[in-house]
């Protein structure tokens, strides 16, 4: 199958059938699948934004002074938008592929491998939307009681921005799902890539690289672009250039990562 066919499989009904299958399983266990994971960024917000923020002076963001809790609020949306699809495509997809043999069963039907990959990508991105919606609701409550100062109406846009970026994050994670020999080896992409990337992307603290090379790498980072796009909307009411940056960096990740994921998964699952 050509690379173009692997990319256009996103519009194939079979990709959405795989997505629907994952969604139906999720809905049967939604209480344990939604609430505990979504509480992690909320706890982070209370610990960092409110607790730690009491010791930090106001920050200047594009010429406007904001408190640390407001700064972290947008960062946690990016953290959730990255972490949820990334870990969903790492652990949950691996369990479906290796332990439950769900992919083998699906591939025994008329569904082809690119549709399985796209179904996992789309499902990971929607999981990110769900958790971002919960985090956004908590931020709205804290805005109501005066802990943060954000433009609440733009919180409605956060899940959709998270979906766009989440597709890139899920496709990236599926590369490791296809190559790790055992689930214990997931520690490498988690602790060497996942955690560092979620911390050095203007999520919990601002980073201003002095090196032009580091600055260019930062612009290619979808987590950074998501954090700054969300922060621009919530603080200023405008994403500035970061909306274009988010779309561009997402495409730069999504296209090659999807093609590589399909190729590596084909080798692992089908032996081709």
Protein backbone atom coordinates (compact mmCIF):
# COMPACT_ATOMS: atom_id res chain seq x y z
CA UNK A 1 0.00 0.00 0.00
CA UNK A 2 1.37 3.42 -0.96
CA UNK A 3 2.12 6.20 1.47
CA UNK A 4 -0.72 8.27 0.05
CA UNK A 5 -3.18 5.44 0.61
CA UNK A 6 -1.99 5.12 4.20
CA UNK A 7 -2.66 8.83 4.78
CA UNK A 8 -6.04 8.95 3.06
CA UNK A 9 -7.19 5.96 5.11
CA UNK A 10 -8.23 8.52 7.74
CA UNK A 11 -11.36 9.11 5.65
CA UNK A 12 -12.06 5.38 5.23
CA UNK A 13 -15.13 4.12 7.10
CA UNK A 14 -13.02 1.26 8.42
CA UNK A 15 -10.80 3.68 10.36
CA UNK A 16 -13.85 5.13 12.02
CA UNK A 17 -15.16 1.62 12.69
CA UNK A 18 -11.97 0.91 14.68
CA UNK A 19 -12.45 4.24 16.45
CA UNK A 20 -16.07 3.33 17.24
CA UNK A 21 -15.01 -0.04 18.65
CA UNK A 22 -12.56 1.64 21.04
CA UNK A 23 -15.17 4.21 22.02
CA UNK A 24 -17.78 1.57 22.83
CA UNK A 25 -15.35 -0.30 25.07
CA UNK A 26 -14.42 2.99 26.74
CA UNK A 27 -18.06 3.87 27.43
CA UNK A 28 -18.56 0.60 29.27
CA UNK A 29 -15.84 1.58 31.77
CA UNK A 30 -15.97 5.35 31.54
CA UNK A 31 -15.91 6.02 35.30
CA UNK A 32 -12.55 4.38 35.85
CA UNK A 33 -11.25 5.40 32.40
CA UNK A 34 -12.07 9.11 32.67
CA UNK A 35 -12.01 10.35 36.23
CA UNK A 36 -8.63 9.11 37.55
CA UNK A 37 -6.54 10.17 34.48
CA UNK A 38 -8.30 13.52 34.23
CA UNK A 39 -7.62 14.24 37.90
CA UNK A 40 -3.84 14.22 37.40
CA UNK A 41 -3.66 17.64 35.67
CA UNK A 42 -6.22 19.00 38.13
CA UNK A 43 -3.99 17.96 41.04
CA UNK A 44 -1.01 19.46 39.23
CA UNK A 45 -2.93 22.71 38.88
CA UNK A 46 -3.76 22.84 42.58
CA UNK A 47 -0.18 21.96 43.56
CA UNK A 48 1.67 24.20 41.12
CA UNK A 49 -0.78 26.94 40.22
CA UNK A 50 -2.21 27.57 43.68
CA UNK A 51 0.33 26.11 46.10
CA UNK A 52 3.61 26.91 44.38
CA UNK A 53 2.12 30.02 42.76
CA UNK A 54 1.82 31.71 46.15
CA UNK A 55 5.61 32.06 46.22
CA UNK A 56 5.99 33.42 42.69
CA UNK A 57 5.48 37.00 41.59
CA UNK A 58 3.33 37.90 38.60
CA UNK A 59 4.72 37.00 35.19
CA UNK A 60 4.77 39.25 32.15
CA UNK A 61 3.12 37.58 29.17
CA UNK A 62 3.22 39.60 25.94
CA UNK A 63 3.21 42.81 27.96
CA UNK A 64 0.43 41.78 30.36
CA UNK A 65 1.05 40.83 33.98
CA UNK A 66 -0.60 37.54 34.94
CA UNK A 67 -0.39 35.43 38.07
CA UNK A 68 1.34 32.08 37.97
CA UNK A 69 -1.91 30.13 38.29
CA UNK A 70 -3.20 31.75 35.09
CA UNK A 71 0.05 30.89 33.33
CA UNK A 72 -0.11 27.27 34.46
CA UNK A 73 -3.79 26.91 33.51
CA UNK A 74 -2.99 27.10 29.80
CA UNK A 75 0.06 24.92 30.29
CA UNK A 76 -2.02 22.17 31.86
CA UNK A 77 -4.31 22.17 28.84
CA UNK A 78 -1.22 21.51 26.68
CA UNK A 79 0.07 18.95 29.19
CA UNK A 80 -3.27 17.11 29.06
CA UNK A 81 -3.53 17.45 25.29
CA UNK A 82 -0.11 15.82 24.94
CA UNK A 83 -0.13 13.26 27.73
CA UNK A 84 -3.56 11.73 27.17
CA UNK A 85 -3.21 10.70 23.49
CA UNK A 86 0.49 9.91 23.90
CA UNK A 87 0.00 7.45 26.75
CA UNK A 88 -3.22 6.10 25.27
CA UNK A 89 -1.36 5.19 22.07
CA UNK A 90 1.54 3.78 24.08
CA UNK A 91 -0.05 1.61 26.74
CA UNK A 92 -3.65 1.04 25.72
CA UNK A 93 -2.81 0.43 22.06
CA UNK A 94 -0.02 -1.94 23.06
CA UNK A 95 -2.40 -3.93 25.25
CA UNK A 96 -4.89 -4.17 22.40
CA UNK A 97 -2.14 -5.21 19.98
CA UNK A 98 -0.07 -7.61 22.08
CA UNK A 99 -2.08 -8.94 25.01
CA UNK A 100 -5.69 -8.84 23.88
CA UNK A 101 -4.88 -9.58 20.20
CA UNK A 102 -7.64 -7.13 19.28
CA UNK A 103 -5.78 -5.96 16.19
CA UNK A 104 -5.44 -9.55 14.93
CA UNK A 105 -9.18 -10.00 15.23
CA UNK A 106 -9.88 -6.72 13.44
CA UNK A 107 -7.42 -7.52 10.65
CA UNK A 108 -9.19 -10.86 10.10
CA UNK A 109 -12.12 -8.80 8.74
CA UNK A 110 -12.09 -6.44 5.77
CA UNK A 111 -10.23 -3.80 7.81
CA UNK A 112 -6.67 -3.10 6.64
CA UNK A 113 -3.72 -2.09 8.78
CA UNK A 114 -3.69 1.67 7.98
CA UNK A 115 -7.28 1.85 9.20
CA UNK A 116 -6.27 0.20 12.48
CA UNK A 117 -3.49 2.76 12.91
CA UNK A 118 -5.77 5.67 12.07
CA UNK A 119 -8.47 4.32 14.37
CA UNK A 120 -5.96 4.38 17.24
CA UNK A 121 -4.76 7.88 16.30
CA UNK A 122 -8.29 9.28 16.17
CA UNK A 123 -9.27 7.57 19.40
CA UNK A 124 -6.19 8.89 21.20
CA UNK A 125 -6.98 12.42 20.01
CA UNK A 126 -10.61 12.16 21.18
CA UNK A 127 -9.45 10.88 24.58
CA UNK A 128 -7.40 14.06 24.76
CA UNK A 129 -10.51 16.10 23.96
CA UNK A 130 -12.41 14.44 26.80
CA UNK A 131 -9.72 15.11 29.40
CA UNK A 132 -9.13 18.66 28.18
CA UNK A 133 -12.86 19.30 28.56
CA UNK A 134 -12.66 18.24 32.21
CA UNK A 135 -9.57 20.38 32.85
CA UNK A 136 -11.21 23.35 31.10
CA UNK A 137 -14.28 22.98 33.33
CA UNK A 138 -12.07 23.07 36.43
CA UNK A 139 -10.27 26.17 35.11
CA UNK A 140 -13.66 27.84 34.55
CA UNK A 141 -14.58 27.17 38.19
CA UNK A 142 -11.28 28.64 39.41
CA UNK A 143 -11.86 31.68 37.19
CA UNK A 144 -15.29 32.11 38.78
CA UNK A 145 -13.79 32.20 42.28
CA UNK A 146 -10.96 34.51 41.20
CA UNK A 147 -7.97 32.15 41.39
CA UNK A 148 -7.19 32.61 37.68
CA UNK A 149 -8.11 35.31 35.21
CA UNK A 150 -8.88 33.85 31.79
CA UNK A 151 -11.27 34.57 28.94
CA UNK A 152 -13.69 31.76 29.75
CA UNK A 153 -15.41 31.73 26.36
CA UNK A 154 -12.23 30.49 24.71
CA UNK A 155 -12.16 27.42 26.93
CA UNK A 156 -14.71 25.98 24.50
CA UNK A 157 -12.02 25.94 21.81
CA UNK A 158 -9.47 24.03 23.88
CA UNK A 159 -10.76 20.47 23.20
CA UNK A 160 -10.70 21.08 19.45
CA UNK A 161 -7.16 22.44 19.53
CA UNK A 162 -6.27 19.41 21.62
CA UNK A 163 -7.79 17.08 19.02
CA UNK A 164 -5.65 18.57 16.25
CA UNK A 165 -2.43 18.26 18.22
CA UNK A 166 -3.51 14.94 19.76
CA UNK A 167 -3.48 13.26 16.35
CA UNK A 168 0.21 14.10 16.03
CA UNK A 169 1.02 12.93 19.56
CA UNK A 170 -0.82 9.61 19.10
CA UNK A 171 0.86 8.90 15.77
CA UNK A 172 4.24 9.61 17.37
CA UNK A 173 3.52 7.22 20.25
CA UNK A 174 2.43 4.41 17.91
CA UNK A 175 5.98 4.27 16.57
CA UNK A 176 7.17 3.05 19.98
CA UNK A 177 4.15 0.77 20.36
CA UNK A 178 5.29 -1.00 17.19
CA UNK A 179 8.93 -1.45 18.18
CA UNK A 180 9.16 -2.04 21.95
CA UNK A 181 9.72 -5.76 22.68
CA UNK A 182 7.75 -5.71 25.94
CA UNK A 183 5.53 -3.32 27.85
CA UNK A 184 8.29 -2.75 30.43
CA UNK A 185 10.30 -1.04 27.70
CA UNK A 186 7.65 1.68 27.54
CA UNK A 187 9.70 3.34 30.28
CA UNK A 188 12.03 4.63 27.56
CA UNK A 189 9.50 6.68 25.57
CA UNK A 190 7.74 7.69 28.80
CA UNK A 191 10.66 8.95 30.86
CA UNK A 192 13.10 9.92 28.10
CA UNK A 193 10.59 11.61 25.79
CA UNK A 194 7.16 12.02 27.37
CA UNK A 195 8.09 13.64 30.66
CA UNK A 196 10.86 15.93 29.33
CA UNK A 197 8.72 17.09 26.41
CA UNK A 198 5.79 17.91 28.67
CA UNK A 199 8.00 19.96 31.00
CA UNK A 200 10.16 21.99 28.59
CA UNK A 201 7.34 23.28 26.37
CA UNK A 202 6.27 26.42 28.26
CA UNK A 203 3.77 24.39 30.23
CA UNK A 204 4.82 25.01 33.84
CA UNK A 205 7.45 27.70 33.33
CA UNK A 206 8.51 29.97 30.46
CA UNK A 207 11.54 29.03 28.40
CA UNK A 208 13.22 31.55 26.13
CA UNK A 209 16.04 29.88 24.18
CA UNK A 210 18.93 32.19 23.34
CA UNK A 211 20.33 29.89 20.67
CA UNK A 212 18.70 30.24 17.21
CA UNK A 213 18.88 26.47 16.76
CA UNK A 214 17.05 25.80 20.02
CA UNK A 215 14.50 28.49 19.16
CA UNK A 216 13.83 26.79 15.81
CA UNK A 217 13.41 23.41 17.52
CA UNK A 218 10.96 24.98 19.94
CA UNK A 219 8.83 26.22 17.06
CA UNK A 220 8.63 22.68 15.70
CA UNK A 221 7.37 21.35 19.03
CA UNK A 222 3.57 20.87 18.91
CA UNK A 223 3.36 20.79 22.73
CA UNK A 224 4.92 24.27 22.90
CA UNK A 225 2.66 25.55 20.13
CA UNK A 226 -0.42 24.13 21.86
CA UNK A 227 0.58 25.71 25.18
CA UNK A 228 1.21 29.13 23.62
CA UNK A 229 -1.89 28.97 21.43
CA UNK A 230 -4.04 28.14 24.47
CA UNK A 231 -2.34 30.81 26.59
CA UNK A 232 -2.77 33.46 23.91
CA UNK A 233 -6.48 32.73 23.65
CA UNK A 234 -7.12 32.52 27.38
CA UNK A 235 -5.08 35.59 28.33
CA UNK A 236 -5.27 37.86 25.28
CA UNK A 237 -8.18 36.47 23.29
CA UNK A 238 -5.90 35.83 20.31
CA UNK A 239 -3.55 32.92 19.56
CA UNK A 240 -1.20 35.14 17.59
CA UNK A 241 1.11 33.22 15.24
CA UNK A 242 0.89 30.09 17.35
CA UNK A 243 -2.29 28.83 15.71
CA UNK A 244 -0.43 28.59 12.41
CA UNK A 245 2.51 27.14 14.32
CA UNK A 246 0.27 24.51 15.90
CA UNK A 247 -1.22 23.46 12.56
CA UNK A 248 2.19 23.41 10.86
CA UNK A 249 4.02 21.51 13.59
CA UNK A 250 1.13 19.04 13.85
CA UNK A 251 1.34 18.31 10.13
CA UNK A 252 5.13 17.93 10.33
CA UNK A 253 4.67 15.32 13.05
CA UNK A 254 1.50 13.63 11.88
CA UNK A 255 2.39 12.80 8.28
CA UNK A 256 5.81 11.14 8.74
CA UNK A 257 4.87 9.56 12.07
CA UNK A 258 1.73 8.00 10.60
CA UNK A 259 3.63 6.60 7.63
CA UNK A 260 6.34 5.21 9.88
CA UNK A 261 3.78 3.80 12.32
CA UNK A 262 2.01 1.95 9.51
CA UNK A 263 5.28 0.55 8.21
CA UNK A 264 6.60 -0.58 11.60
CA UNK A 265 3.25 -1.98 12.69
CA UNK A 266 2.96 -3.91 9.45
CA UNK A 267 6.36 -5.46 10.12
CA UNK A 268 5.43 -6.40 13.68
CA UNK A 269 1.86 -7.56 13.28
CA UNK A 270 1.91 -9.02 9.77
CA UNK A 271 5.61 -9.84 9.45
CA UNK A 272 5.89 -7.97 6.12
